[in-house]
Amino acid sequence: MERFETEISGEFIKLDSLLKFSGLTETGGIAKEIIQEGRVKLNGEVCTMRGKKIRRGDVVTIDEIGAEIVVV
C-alpha cells in the first residue's frame, strides 16, 4: 500500500477536499462519489460523510487503489 503524508495548515480539512488536495482524485465530484459508495475508510472504519472533518493524525485509506493518506 502506498502511503502519502499530507500537511494541512488549518485545524481540519473536509474528507472530499482531502482526496482532491492529495491528488488521489482528479475532481471533487469523483471524491464525493467514492465516499458515498463506502469505498473510503477513516481510521480503519468506512466513512460515507464527504464533509467529515479530518484532523492531524487521522488516516484515510482507499483499499482498492492501495493508498493511505496520513494527515500531518
PDB file of N, CA and C in Angstrom:
ATOM      1  N   MET A   1       0.845  -1.178   0.000  1.00  0.00           N
ATOM      2  CA  MET A   1       0.000   0.000   0.000  1.00  0.00           C
ATOM      3  C   MET A   1       0.892   1.243   0.000  1.00  0.00           C
ATOM      4  N   GLU A   2       0.570   2.151  -0.902  1.00  0.00           N
ATOM      5  CA  GLU A   2       1.335   3.390  -0.996  1.00  0.00           C
ATOM      6  C   GLU A   2       0.843   4.355   0.080  1.00  0.00           C
ATOM      7  N   ARG A   3       1.785   4.978   0.768  1.00  0.00           N
ATOM      8  CA  ARG A   3       1.461   5.863   1.891  1.00  0.00           C
ATOM      9  C   ARG A   3       1.844   7.295   1.536  1.00  0.00           C
ATOM     10  N   PHE A   4       0.899   8.220   1.705  1.00  0.00           N
ATOM     11  CA  PHE A   4       1.126   9.631   1.449  1.00  0.00           C
ATOM     12  C   PHE A   4       0.982  10.398   2.746  1.00  0.00           C
ATOM     13  N   GLU A   5       1.803  11.407   2.936  1.00  0.00           N
ATOM     14  CA  GLU A   5       1.618  12.317   4.059  1.00  0.00           C
ATOM     15  C   GLU A   5       1.160  13.645   3.491  1.00  0.00           C
ATOM     16  N   THR A   6       0.061  14.155   4.019  1.00  0.00           N
ATOM     17  CA  THR A   6      -0.491  15.423   3.568  1.00  0.00           C
ATOM     18  C   THR A   6      -0.535  16.372   4.738  1.00  0.00           C
ATOM     19  N   GLU A   7       0.097  17.518   4.563  1.00  0.00           N
ATOM     20  CA  GLU A   7       0.138  18.527   5.619  1.00  0.00           C
ATOM     21  C   GLU A   7      -1.005  19.509   5.417  1.00  0.00           C
ATOM     22  N   ILE A   8      -1.712  19.807   6.496  1.00  0.00           N
ATOM     23  CA  ILE A   8      -2.787  20.796   6.417  1.00  0.00           C
ATOM     24  C   ILE A   8      -2.389  22.008   7.256  1.00  0.00           C
ATOM     25  N   SER A   9      -2.850  23.174   6.828  1.00  0.00           N
ATOM     26  CA  SER A   9      -2.469  24.401   7.520  1.00  0.00           C
ATOM     27  C   SER A   9      -3.464  24.790   8.605  1.00  0.00           C
ATOM     28  N   GLY A  10      -4.732  24.438   8.416  1.00  0.00           N
ATOM     29  CA  GLY A  10      -5.752  24.777   9.405  1.00  0.00           C
ATOM     30  C   GLY A  10      -5.952  23.668  10.411  1.00  0.00           C
ATOM     31  N   GLU A  11      -7.036  23.788  11.154  1.00  0.00           N
ATOM     32  CA  GLU A  11      -7.365  22.800  12.183  1.00  0.00           C
ATOM     33  C   GLU A  11      -7.850  21.484  11.570  1.00  0.00           C
ATOM     34  N   PHE A  12      -8.533  21.577  10.414  1.00  0.00           N
ATOM     35  CA  PHE A  12      -9.079  20.388   9.763  1.00  0.00           C
ATOM     36  C   PHE A  12      -9.236  20.635   8.274  1.00  0.00           C
ATOM     37  N   ILE A  13      -9.531  19.548   7.534  1.00  0.00           N
ATOM     38  CA  ILE A  13      -9.886  19.607   6.122  1.00  0.00           C
ATOM     39  C   ILE A  13     -11.020  18.610   5.923  1.00  0.00           C
ATOM     40  N   LYS A  14     -11.958  18.924   5.065  1.00  0.00           N
ATOM     41  CA  LYS A  14     -13.065  18.002   4.818  1.00  0.00           C
ATOM     42  C   LYS A  14     -12.568  16.825   3.977  1.00  0.00           C
ATOM     43  N   LEU A  15     -13.192  15.672   4.193  1.00  0.00           N
ATOM     44  CA  LEU A  15     -12.746  14.438   3.561  1.00  0.00           C
ATOM     45  C   LEU A  15     -12.686  14.541   2.044  1.00  0.00           C
ATOM     46  N   ASP A  16     -13.731  15.058   1.404  1.00  0.00           N
ATOM     47  CA  ASP A  16     -13.705  15.148  -0.058  1.00  0.00           C
ATOM     48  C   ASP A  16     -12.610  16.089  -0.550  1.00  0.00           C
ATOM     49  N   SER A  17     -12.383  17.165   0.178  1.00  0.00           N
ATOM     50  CA  SER A  17     -11.314  18.106  -0.187  1.00  0.00           C
ATOM     51  C   SER A  17      -9.940  17.467  -0.020  1.00  0.00           C
ATOM     52  N   LEU A  18      -9.781  16.640   1.006  1.00  0.00           N
ATOM     53  CA  LEU A  18      -8.506  15.960   1.233  1.00  0.00           C
ATOM     54  C   LEU A  18      -8.159  15.031   0.077  1.00  0.00           C
ATOM     55  N   LEU A  19      -9.133  14.274  -0.402  1.00  0.00           N
ATOM     56  CA  LEU A  19      -8.876  13.348  -1.509  1.00  0.00           C
ATOM     57  C   LEU A  19      -8.450  14.107  -2.763  1.00  0.00           C
ATOM     58  N   LYS A  20      -9.088  15.230  -3.016  1.00  0.00           N
ATOM     59  CA  LYS A  20      -8.727  16.036  -4.184  1.00  0.00           C
ATOM     60  C   LYS A  20      -7.372  16.717  -3.958  1.00  0.00           C
ATOM     61  N   PHE A  21      -7.174  17.323  -2.793  1.00  0.00           N
ATOM     62  CA  PHE A  21      -5.940  18.037  -2.459  1.00  0.00           C
ATOM     63  C   PHE A  21      -4.717  17.123  -2.511  1.00  0.00           C
ATOM     64  N   SER A  22      -4.887  15.880  -2.073  1.00  0.00           N
ATOM     65  CA  SER A  22      -3.763  14.941  -2.042  1.00  0.00           C
ATOM     66  C   SER A  22      -3.476  14.330  -3.412  1.00  0.00           C
ATOM     67  N   GLY A  23      -4.373  14.557  -4.378  1.00  0.00           N
ATOM     68  CA  GLY A  23      -4.167  14.059  -5.732  1.00  0.00           C
ATOM     69  C   GLY A  23      -4.690  12.661  -5.991  1.00  0.00           C
ATOM     70  N   LEU A  24      -5.419  12.094  -5.052  1.00  0.00           N
ATOM     71  CA  LEU A  24      -5.955  10.743  -5.249  1.00  0.00           C
ATOM     72  C   LEU A  24      -7.179  10.742  -6.148  1.00  0.00           C
ATOM     73  N   THR A  25      -7.874  11.860  -6.246  1.00  0.00           N
ATOM     74  CA  THR A  25      -8.971  12.006  -7.199  1.00  0.00           C
ATOM     75  C   THR A  25      -8.732  13.269  -8.010  1.00  0.00           C
ATOM     76  N   GLU A  26      -9.187  13.250  -9.254  1.00  0.00           N
ATOM     77  CA  GLU A  26      -8.983  14.403 -10.121  1.00  0.00           C
ATOM     78  C   GLU A  26      -9.942  15.540  -9.814  1.00  0.00           C
ATOM     79  N   THR A  27     -11.150  15.192  -9.368  1.00  0.00           N
ATOM     80  CA  THR A  27     -12.144  16.219  -9.084  1.00  0.00           C
ATOM     81  C   THR A  27     -12.841  15.944  -7.759  1.00  0.00           C
ATOM     82  N   GLY A  28     -13.496  16.974  -7.251  1.00  0.00           N
ATOM     83  CA  GLY A  28     -14.287  16.807  -6.040  1.00  0.00           C
ATOM     84  C   GLY A  28     -15.484  15.900  -6.270  1.00  0.00           C
ATOM     85  N   GLY A  29     -16.013  15.895  -7.499  1.00  0.00           N
ATOM     86  CA  GLY A  29     -17.144  15.030  -7.821  1.00  0.00           C
ATOM     87  C   GLY A  29     -16.792  13.561  -7.727  1.00  0.00           C
ATOM     88  N   ILE A  30     -15.601  13.218  -8.187  1.00  0.00           N
ATOM     89  CA  ILE A  30     -15.139  11.828  -8.081  1.00  0.00           C
ATOM     90  C   ILE A  30     -14.940  11.465  -6.611  1.00  0.00           C
ATOM     91  N   ALA A  31     -14.369  12.383  -5.856  1.00  0.00           N
ATOM     92  CA  ALA A  31     -14.167  12.143  -4.414  1.00  0.00           C
ATOM     93  C   ALA A  31     -15.510  11.896  -3.731  1.00  0.00           C
ATOM     94  N   LYS A  32     -16.490  12.737  -4.034  1.00  0.00           N
ATOM     95  CA  LYS A  32     -17.826  12.588  -3.455  1.00  0.00           C
ATOM     96  C   LYS A  32     -18.411  11.217  -3.771  1.00  0.00           C
ATOM     97  N   GLU A  33     -18.260  10.792  -5.012  1.00  0.00           N
ATOM     98  CA  GLU A  33     -18.813   9.513  -5.457  1.00  0.00           C
ATOM     99  C   GLU A  33     -18.206   8.326  -4.713  1.00  0.00           C
ATOM    100  N   ILE A  34     -16.878   8.272  -4.616  1.00  0.00           N
ATOM    101  CA  ILE A  34     -16.265   7.110  -3.951  1.00  0.00           C
ATOM    102  C   ILE A  34     -16.521   7.115  -2.446  1.00  0.00           C
ATOM    103  N   ILE A  35     -16.679   8.309  -1.871  1.00  0.00           N
ATOM    104  CA  ILE A  35     -17.002   8.387  -0.436  1.00  0.00           C
ATOM    105  C   ILE A  35     -18.417   7.846  -0.218  1.00  0.00           C
ATOM    106  N   GLN A  36     -19.377   8.304  -1.011  1.00  0.00           N
ATOM    107  CA  GLN A  36     -20.769   7.879  -0.849  1.00  0.00           C
ATOM    108  C   GLN A  36     -20.967   6.391  -1.127  1.00  0.00           C
ATOM    109  N   GLU A  37     -20.087   5.815  -1.949  1.00  0.00           N
ATOM    110  CA  GLU A  37     -20.178   4.379  -2.233  1.00  0.00           C
ATOM    111  C   GLU A  37     -19.549   3.522  -1.128  1.00  0.00           C
ATOM    112  N   GLY A  38     -18.987   4.151  -0.090  1.00  0.00           N
ATOM    113  CA  GLY A  38     -18.404   3.414   1.021  1.00  0.00           C
ATOM    114  C   GLY A  38     -17.045   2.820   0.722  1.00  0.00           C
ATOM    115  N   ARG A  39     -16.309   3.429  -0.200  1.00  0.00           N
ATOM    116  CA  ARG A  39     -15.005   2.902  -0.606  1.00  0.00           C
ATOM    117  C   ARG A  39     -13.835   3.545   0.139  1.00  0.00           C
ATOM    118  N   VAL A  40     -14.144   4.434   1.090  1.00  0.00           N
ATOM    119  CA  VAL A  40     -13.101   5.159   1.830  1.00  0.00           C
ATOM    120  C   VAL A  40     -13.220   4.823   3.309  1.00  0.00           C
ATOM    121  N   LYS A  41     -12.067   4.599   3.936  1.00  0.00           N
ATOM    122  CA  LYS A  41     -12.045   4.333   5.382  1.00  0.00           C
ATOM    123  C   LYS A  41     -11.331   5.472   6.088  1.00  0.00           C
ATOM    124  N   LEU A  42     -11.841   5.839   7.249  1.00  0.00           N
ATOM    125  CA  LEU A  42     -11.219   6.832   8.117  1.00  0.00           C
ATOM    126  C   LEU A  42     -10.839   6.116   9.401  1.00  0.00           C
ATOM    127  N   ASN A  43      -9.557   6.069   9.659  1.00  0.00           N
ATOM    128  CA  ASN A  43      -9.037   5.387  10.849  1.00  0.00           C
ATOM    129  C   ASN A  43      -9.562   3.948  10.953  1.00  0.00           C
ATOM    130  N   GLY A  44      -9.627   3.273   9.799  1.00  0.00           N
ATOM    131  CA  GLY A  44      -9.995   1.862   9.765  1.00  0.00           C
ATOM    132  C   GLY A  44     -11.475   1.560   9.638  1.00  0.00           C
ATOM    133  N   GLU A  45     -12.348   2.594   9.665  1.00  0.00           N
ATOM    134  CA  GLU A  45     -13.781   2.374   9.560  1.00  0.00           C
ATOM    135  C   GLU A  45     -14.324   3.093   8.333  1.00  0.00           C
ATOM    136  N   VAL A  46     -15.265   2.459   7.646  1.00  0.00           N
ATOM    137  CA  VAL A  46     -15.865   3.059   6.459  1.00  0.00           C
ATOM    138  C   VAL A  46     -16.521   4.391   6.836  1.00  0.00           C
ATOM    139  N   CYS A  47     -16.261   5.401   6.010  1.00  0.00           N
ATOM    140  CA  CYS A  47     -16.839   6.729   6.235  1.00  0.00           C
ATOM    141  C   CYS A  47     -17.545   7.164   4.960  1.00  0.00           C
ATOM    142  N   THR A  48     -18.840   7.485   5.061  1.00  0.00           N
ATOM    143  CA  THR A  48     -19.613   7.921   3.898  1.00  0.00           C
ATOM    144  C   THR A  48     -20.006   9.395   3.994  1.00  0.00           C
ATOM    145  N   MET A  49     -19.426  10.120   4.917  1.00  0.00           N
ATOM    146  CA  MET A  49     -19.728  11.547   5.086  1.00  0.00           C
ATOM    147  C   MET A  49     -18.643  12.375   4.398  1.00  0.00           C
ATOM    148  N   ARG A  50     -18.962  12.941   3.239  1.00  0.00           N
ATOM    149  CA  ARG A  50     -17.950  13.673   2.474  1.00  0.00           C
ATOM    150  C   ARG A  50     -17.475  14.928   3.188  1.00  0.00           C
ATOM    151  N   GLY A  51     -18.288  15.481   4.070  1.00  0.00           N
ATOM    152  CA  GLY A  51     -17.914  16.685   4.807  1.00  0.00           C
ATOM    153  C   GLY A  51     -17.239  16.401   6.138  1.00  0.00           C
ATOM    154  N   LYS A  52     -16.932  15.141   6.406  1.00  0.00           N
ATOM    155  CA  LYS A  52     -16.294  14.747   7.671  1.00  0.00           C
ATOM    156  C   LYS A  52     -15.005  15.537   7.868  1.00  0.00           C
ATOM    157  N   LYS A  53     -14.828  16.088   9.054  1.00  0.00           N
ATOM    158  CA  LYS A  53     -13.628  16.864   9.346  1.00  0.00           C
ATOM    159  C   LYS A  53     -12.463  15.937   9.648  1.00  0.00           C
ATOM    160  N   ILE A  54     -11.407  16.075   8.869  1.00  0.00           N
ATOM    161  CA  ILE A  54     -10.208  15.262   9.038  1.00  0.00           C
ATOM    162  C   ILE A  54      -9.156  16.123   9.714  1.00  0.00           C
ATOM    163  N   ARG A  55      -8.589  15.618  10.796  1.00  0.00           N
ATOM    164  CA  ARG A  55      -7.614  16.375  11.589  1.00  0.00           C
ATOM    165  C   ARG A  55      -6.256  15.687  11.560  1.00  0.00           C
ATOM    166  N   ARG A  56      -5.249  16.389  12.040  1.00  0.00           N
ATOM    167  CA  ARG A  56      -3.899  15.821  12.098  1.00  0.00           C
ATOM    168  C   ARG A  56      -3.918  14.494  12.863  1.00  0.00           C
ATOM    169  N   GLY A  57      -3.213  13.515  12.324  1.00  0.00           N
ATOM    170  CA  GLY A  57      -3.144  12.203  12.953  1.00  0.00           C
ATOM    171  C   GLY A  57      -4.148  11.206  12.386  1.00  0.00           C
ATOM    172  N   ASP A  58      -5.155  11.700  11.658  1.00  0.00           N
ATOM    173  CA  ASP A  58      -6.137  10.799  11.041  1.00  0.00           C
ATOM    174  C   ASP A  58      -5.513  10.077   9.854  1.00  0.00           C
ATOM    175  N   VAL A  59      -6.008   8.873   9.593  1.00  0.00           N
ATOM    176  CA  VAL A  59      -5.527   8.072   8.470  1.00  0.00           C
ATOM    177  C   VAL A  59      -6.718   7.727   7.582  1.00  0.00           C
ATOM    178  N   VAL A  60      -6.620   8.104   6.310  1.00  0.00           N
ATOM    179  CA  VAL A  60      -7.661   7.831   5.323  1.00  0.00           C
ATOM    180  C   VAL A  60      -7.122   6.781   4.365  1.00  0.00           C
ATOM    181  N   THR A  61      -7.902   5.722   4.133  1.00  0.00           N
ATOM    182  CA  THR A  61      -7.463   4.610   3.305  1.00  0.00           C
ATOM    183  C   THR A  61      -8.466   4.338   2.189  1.00  0.00           C
ATOM    184  N   ILE A  62      -7.923   4.094   0.995  1.00  0.00           N
ATOM    185  CA  ILE A  62      -8.741   3.620  -0.120  1.00  0.00           C
ATOM    186  C   ILE A  62      -8.102   2.307  -0.551  1.00  0.00           C
ATOM    187  N   ASP A  63      -8.675   1.205  -0.091  1.00  0.00           N
ATOM    188  CA  ASP A  63      -8.098  -0.113  -0.296  1.00  0.00           C
ATOM    189  C   ASP A  63      -7.964  -0.491  -1.769  1.00  0.00           C
ATOM    190  N   GLU A  64      -8.988  -0.188  -2.565  1.00  0.00           N
ATOM    191  CA  GLU A  64      -8.998  -0.665  -3.958  1.00  0.00           C
ATOM    192  C   GLU A  64      -7.873  -0.092  -4.805  1.00  0.00           C
ATOM    193  N   ILE A  65      -7.336   1.068  -4.433  1.00  0.00           N
ATOM    194  CA  ILE A  65      -6.195   1.597  -5.180  1.00  0.00           C
ATOM    195  C   ILE A  65      -4.899   1.513  -4.362  1.00  0.00           C
ATOM    196  N   GLY A  66      -5.013   0.953  -3.168  1.00  0.00           N
ATOM    197  CA  GLY A  66      -3.823   0.746  -2.343  1.00  0.00           C
ATOM    198  C   GLY A  66      -3.177   2.030  -1.881  1.00  0.00           C
ATOM    199  N   ALA A  67      -4.000   2.980  -1.420  1.00  0.00           N
ATOM    200  CA  ALA A  67      -3.469   4.267  -0.991  1.00  0.00           C
ATOM    201  C   ALA A  67      -3.907   4.577   0.437  1.00  0.00           C
ATOM    202  N   GLU A  68      -2.992   5.172   1.178  1.00  0.00           N
ATOM    203  CA  GLU A  68      -3.257   5.581   2.550  1.00  0.00           C
ATOM    204  C   GLU A  68      -2.735   7.003   2.725  1.00  0.00           C
ATOM    205  N   ILE A  69      -3.567   7.892   3.258  1.00  0.00           N
ATOM    206  CA  ILE A  69      -3.163   9.276   3.497  1.00  0.00           C
ATOM    207  C   ILE A  69      -3.076   9.485   4.992  1.00  0.00           C
ATOM    208  N   VAL A  70      -1.923   9.971   5.447  1.00  0.00           N
ATOM    209  CA  VAL A  70      -1.745  10.328   6.843  1.00  0.00           C
ATOM    210  C   VAL A  70      -1.702  11.845   6.904  1.00  0.00           C
ATOM    211  N   VAL A  71      -2.576  12.432   7.709  1.00  0.00           N
ATOM    212  CA  VAL A  71      -2.653  13.885   7.802  1.00  0.00           C
ATOM    213  C   VAL A  71      -1.706  14.361   8.905  1.00  0.00           C
ATOM    214  N   VAL A  72      -0.807  15.267   8.517  1.00  0.00           N
ATOM    215  CA  VAL A  72       0.180  15.811   9.468  1.00  0.00           C
ATOM    216  C   VAL A  72       0.038  17.304   9.579  1.00  0.00           C
TER     217      VAL A  72
END
